[in-house]
């Protein structure tokens, strides 16, 4: 099966086992191009494992997935250069400066010197990192590190962006700023898959998949989910699913 051209991600019965433990259990969903799709769930629900499989970092135990038209279950190395990925664990080089990290990741993705210089300046302005440009990353406050991590994920203008708990550990004001940038990237055509356990962040997504114990318990837009569960908020939807109530 090859997904339609307007589908950026297609997962079919995607499964991952670690020994006898099933971390992701036959999960199926599709993400349209230009869509913000959120995976919402508690820690340990399987969100990060799904991202690791879709980015080619972890081989599925079963099922199939296509990412930007490439069967990642068969050809994971062909997928990686086409993606942007901000991992849950901070993964930049703490002994490099802001500019040096941006230059390094731009070089990894093959940006030429002139293009890289322009893109680096653009992102430093966008993320308000100018005053931090000559400081090593290890010296930055947590919020600024997260901004830099997102900037590095975007430096090559990927068509598909994976964000794994991108706002963990930062204050609500900084979280709202992050989401403004994420929403603007989607408006410009970038497809975004984001994981979160913050209920309020779910409202920024075009559609949601609610994860529970490795399974996809419900999918839909925030208004559809609220209506289906007769809930006033996504938090109420989540609690209803956790308690076993049917839509």
Protein backbone atom coordinates (compact mmCIF):
# COMPACT_ATOMS: atom_id res chain seq x y z
CA UNK A 1 0.00 0.00 0.00
CA UNK A 2 1.24 3.46 -0.92
CA UNK A 3 -0.60 6.33 0.82
CA UNK A 4 -2.14 9.19 -1.22
CA UNK A 5 0.09 12.19 -2.03
CA UNK A 6 -1.71 14.40 0.49
CA UNK A 7 -0.81 12.08 3.40
CA UNK A 8 2.53 12.80 5.10
CA UNK A 9 2.38 9.95 7.64
CA UNK A 10 0.52 6.66 7.39
CA UNK A 11 0.84 4.09 10.18
CA UNK A 12 -0.88 0.71 9.92
CA UNK A 13 -0.94 -1.61 12.94
CA UNK A 14 2.39 -0.19 14.09
CA UNK A 15 3.69 -2.31 16.95
CA UNK A 16 6.79 -2.37 19.12
CA UNK A 17 7.65 -4.98 21.73
CA UNK A 18 10.51 -4.99 24.21
CA UNK A 19 10.73 -8.60 25.30
CA UNK A 20 7.32 -9.50 26.71
CA UNK A 21 6.29 -5.85 27.09
CA UNK A 22 4.29 -4.26 24.27
CA UNK A 23 5.05 -0.54 24.25
CA UNK A 24 2.99 0.23 21.12
CA UNK A 25 0.10 -2.07 20.26
CA UNK A 26 -1.21 -2.10 16.66
CA UNK A 27 -1.54 1.68 16.28
CA UNK A 28 -2.99 3.04 13.03
CA UNK A 29 -3.42 6.68 11.99
CA UNK A 30 -2.77 9.10 9.15
CA UNK A 31 -1.51 12.69 9.16
CA UNK A 32 -2.30 15.02 6.26
CA UNK A 33 0.33 17.33 4.82
CA UNK A 34 0.37 20.68 6.63
CA UNK A 35 -1.48 19.27 9.63
CA UNK A 36 -0.52 19.53 13.31
CA UNK A 37 -1.25 16.08 14.73
CA UNK A 38 -0.81 15.64 18.47
CA UNK A 39 -0.22 12.43 20.40
CA UNK A 40 -1.59 13.08 23.88
CA UNK A 41 -0.96 10.73 26.77
CA UNK A 42 0.72 10.14 30.09
CA UNK A 43 4.40 9.27 30.34
CA UNK A 44 4.87 5.66 29.28
CA UNK A 45 1.83 5.63 26.98
CA UNK A 46 3.98 4.87 23.89
CA UNK A 47 4.23 8.33 22.31
CA UNK A 48 8.02 8.53 22.12
CA UNK A 49 8.28 4.95 20.86
CA UNK A 50 5.96 5.84 17.97
CA UNK A 51 8.13 8.83 17.04
CA UNK A 52 11.29 6.74 17.20
CA UNK A 53 9.77 4.22 14.81
CA UNK A 54 8.49 6.88 12.41
CA UNK A 55 11.88 8.61 12.30
CA UNK A 56 13.70 5.36 11.56
CA UNK A 57 15.50 5.26 14.89
CA UNK A 58 13.71 2.12 16.07
CA UNK A 59 12.58 -0.81 13.98
CA UNK A 60 8.93 -1.84 14.42
CA UNK A 61 8.15 -5.31 15.74
CA UNK A 62 5.11 -5.36 13.49
CA UNK A 63 2.99 -3.23 11.20
CA UNK A 64 4.01 -0.72 8.57
CA UNK A 65 4.52 3.03 8.26
CA UNK A 66 5.07 5.46 5.40
CA UNK A 67 6.67 8.84 6.07
CA UNK A 68 6.69 11.41 3.24
CA UNK A 69 5.94 8.53 0.88
CA UNK A 70 8.86 6.35 2.03
CA UNK A 71 8.20 2.97 3.70
CA UNK A 72 10.14 3.61 6.88
CA UNK A 73 9.73 -0.02 7.97
CA UNK A 74 11.85 -1.03 4.94
CA UNK A 75 14.01 2.02 4.14
CA UNK A 76 14.55 4.04 7.35
CA UNK A 77 17.77 5.68 6.13
CA UNK A 78 15.92 7.35 3.25
CA UNK A 79 13.53 9.06 5.66
CA UNK A 80 15.93 10.69 8.13
CA UNK A 81 17.40 13.47 5.90
CA UNK A 82 13.90 14.71 5.02
CA UNK A 83 12.76 15.26 8.60
CA UNK A 84 13.26 17.68 11.45
CA UNK A 85 13.36 16.06 14.88
CA UNK A 86 13.41 17.61 18.34
CA UNK A 87 13.82 14.83 20.89
CA UNK A 88 12.48 14.76 24.41
CA UNK A 89 16.01 14.45 25.77
CA UNK A 90 18.11 17.57 25.12
CA UNK A 91 20.44 16.54 22.30
CA UNK A 92 22.50 19.60 21.33
CA UNK A 93 26.20 20.07 21.99
CA UNK A 94 26.51 21.94 25.27
CA UNK A 95 30.11 23.01 24.67
CA UNK A 96 29.20 24.75 21.39
CA UNK A 97 27.67 28.22 21.14
CA UNK A 98 24.20 28.93 19.76
CA UNK A 99 25.64 29.87 16.36
CA UNK A 100 27.98 26.87 16.32
CA UNK A 101 25.13 24.45 17.02
CA UNK A 102 23.05 25.96 14.22
CA UNK A 103 26.03 25.81 11.87
CA UNK A 104 26.75 22.19 12.77
CA UNK A 105 23.20 20.97 12.17
CA UNK A 106 22.91 23.03 9.00
CA UNK A 107 26.07 21.37 7.73
CA UNK A 108 24.77 17.91 8.63
CA UNK A 109 21.72 18.57 6.47
CA UNK A 110 23.87 19.77 3.58
CA UNK A 111 23.17 23.52 3.58
CA UNK A 112 25.73 25.49 1.59
CA UNK A 113 27.66 28.27 3.29
CA UNK A 114 25.63 31.23 2.00
CA UNK A 115 22.26 29.52 2.58
CA UNK A 116 23.36 28.41 6.04
CA UNK A 117 24.47 31.91 7.04
CA UNK A 118 21.13 33.39 5.97
CA UNK A 119 19.09 30.66 7.64
CA UNK A 120 21.10 30.92 10.86
CA UNK A 121 20.49 34.67 11.07
CA UNK A 122 16.79 34.16 10.32
CA UNK A 123 16.34 31.61 13.10
CA UNK A 124 18.34 33.55 15.66
CA UNK A 125 16.00 36.49 15.05
CA UNK A 126 12.86 34.34 15.06
CA UNK A 127 13.73 32.69 18.36
CA UNK A 128 15.18 35.85 19.91
CA UNK A 129 18.58 34.23 20.49
CA UNK A 130 20.72 37.16 19.36
CA UNK A 131 21.90 38.09 22.83
CA UNK A 132 22.88 34.45 23.42
CA UNK A 133 24.78 33.89 20.18
CA UNK A 134 28.25 33.71 21.71
CA UNK A 135 27.28 31.74 24.86
CA UNK A 136 27.78 28.00 25.04
CA UNK A 137 24.57 26.03 25.04
CA UNK A 138 25.31 24.59 28.46
CA UNK A 139 25.15 28.13 29.90
CA UNK A 140 21.67 28.86 28.55
CA UNK A 141 18.46 28.81 30.61
CA UNK A 142 16.19 25.83 29.90
CA UNK A 143 13.73 27.87 27.83
CA UNK A 144 16.48 29.20 25.57
CA UNK A 145 17.91 25.70 25.11
CA UNK A 146 14.51 24.47 23.98
CA UNK A 147 14.25 27.38 21.54
CA UNK A 148 17.65 26.50 20.12
CA UNK A 149 16.72 22.82 19.81
CA UNK A 150 13.65 23.74 17.79
CA UNK A 151 15.68 26.14 15.65
CA UNK A 152 18.17 23.36 14.85
CA UNK A 153 15.31 21.03 13.90
CA UNK A 154 13.98 23.65 11.49
CA UNK A 155 17.25 24.84 9.97
CA UNK A 156 16.95 22.81 6.75
CA UNK A 157 13.26 23.69 6.25
CA UNK A 158 11.97 20.13 6.63
CA UNK A 159 8.60 19.25 5.18
CA UNK A 160 7.86 17.12 8.25
CA UNK A 161 8.73 17.99 11.83
CA UNK A 162 8.66 15.61 14.81
CA UNK A 163 8.50 17.24 18.24
CA UNK A 164 8.73 14.98 21.27
CA UNK A 165 7.51 16.83 24.40
CA UNK A 166 9.03 20.09 23.04
CA UNK A 167 7.83 22.31 25.91
CA UNK A 168 8.72 20.07 28.84
CA UNK A 169 10.20 21.98 31.76
CA UNK A 170 9.52 25.51 30.48
CA UNK A 171 7.10 28.10 31.80
CA UNK A 172 3.58 28.72 30.38
CA UNK A 173 4.56 31.98 28.66
CA UNK A 174 7.43 30.26 26.84
CA UNK A 175 5.12 27.38 25.93
CA UNK A 176 2.66 29.75 24.26
CA UNK A 177 5.53 31.32 22.29
CA UNK A 178 6.62 27.88 21.14
CA UNK A 179 3.15 27.10 19.91
CA UNK A 180 2.92 30.35 17.96
CA UNK A 181 6.06 29.32 16.08
CA UNK A 182 4.79 25.76 15.56
CA UNK A 183 1.45 27.04 14.25
CA UNK A 184 3.18 29.43 11.86
CA UNK A 185 5.35 26.59 10.52
CA UNK A 186 2.18 24.58 9.82
CA UNK A 187 0.58 27.56 8.06
CA UNK A 188 3.62 27.64 5.77
CA UNK A 189 3.07 23.98 4.85
CA UNK A 190 5.15 22.01 7.36
CA UNK A 191 3.53 18.84 8.68
CA UNK A 192 4.00 18.47 12.42
CA UNK A 193 3.63 15.49 14.72
CA UNK A 194 3.97 16.52 18.35
CA UNK A 195 3.73 14.58 21.59
CA UNK A 196 2.58 16.17 24.82
CA UNK A 197 1.05 15.42 28.20
CA UNK A 198 -0.16 19.01 28.65
CA UNK A 199 -3.93 19.07 28.16
CA UNK A 200 -4.03 22.76 27.21
CA UNK A 201 -1.53 22.20 24.39
CA UNK A 202 -3.86 19.67 22.80
CA UNK A 203 -6.16 22.53 21.83
CA UNK A 204 -3.49 23.91 19.46
CA UNK A 205 -3.51 20.72 17.35
CA UNK A 206 -5.67 20.25 14.28
CA UNK A 207 -6.26 16.64 15.29
CA UNK A 208 -5.35 14.46 18.25
CA UNK A 209 -4.60 10.85 18.97
CA UNK A 210 -5.13 10.00 22.63
CA UNK A 211 -2.75 7.27 23.78
CA UNK A 212 -3.35 4.91 26.66
CA UNK A 213 -1.10 1.98 27.58
CA UNK A 214 0.37 1.69 24.09
CA UNK A 215 -2.95 1.87 22.26
CA UNK A 216 -4.64 4.65 20.35
CA UNK A 217 -7.84 5.12 22.34
CA UNK A 218 -9.42 7.94 20.31
CA UNK A 219 -8.68 10.27 17.40
CA UNK A 220 -10.29 13.44 16.13
CA UNK A 221 -10.13 17.21 16.22
CA UNK A 222 -10.45 18.79 19.68
CA UNK A 223 -14.06 19.92 18.95
CA UNK A 224 -14.98 16.43 17.67
CA UNK A 225 -13.54 14.75 20.76
CA UNK A 226 -15.23 17.17 23.15
CA UNK A 227 -18.56 16.68 21.38
CA UNK A 228 -18.20 12.90 21.25
CA UNK A 229 -17.57 12.65 24.98
CA UNK A 230 -19.91 15.54 25.90
CA UNK A 231 -16.93 17.19 27.56
CA UNK A 232 -16.07 20.83 28.14
CA UNK A 233 -12.32 20.27 27.73
CA UNK A 234 -9.78 17.79 26.39
CA UNK A 235 -8.83 17.05 29.99
CA UNK A 236 -12.39 15.81 30.57
CA UNK A 237 -12.13 13.69 27.40
CA UNK A 238 -8.88 12.22 28.65
CA UNK A 239 -10.36 11.40 32.06
CA UNK A 240 -13.40 9.80 30.42
CA UNK A 241 -11.17 7.57 28.30
CA UNK A 242 -9.02 6.69 31.32
CA UNK A 243 -12.13 5.64 33.25
CA UNK A 244 -13.32 3.45 30.37
CA UNK A 245 -16.29 5.52 29.25
CA UNK A 246 -17.39 5.11 25.64
CA UNK A 247 -17.88 8.05 23.30
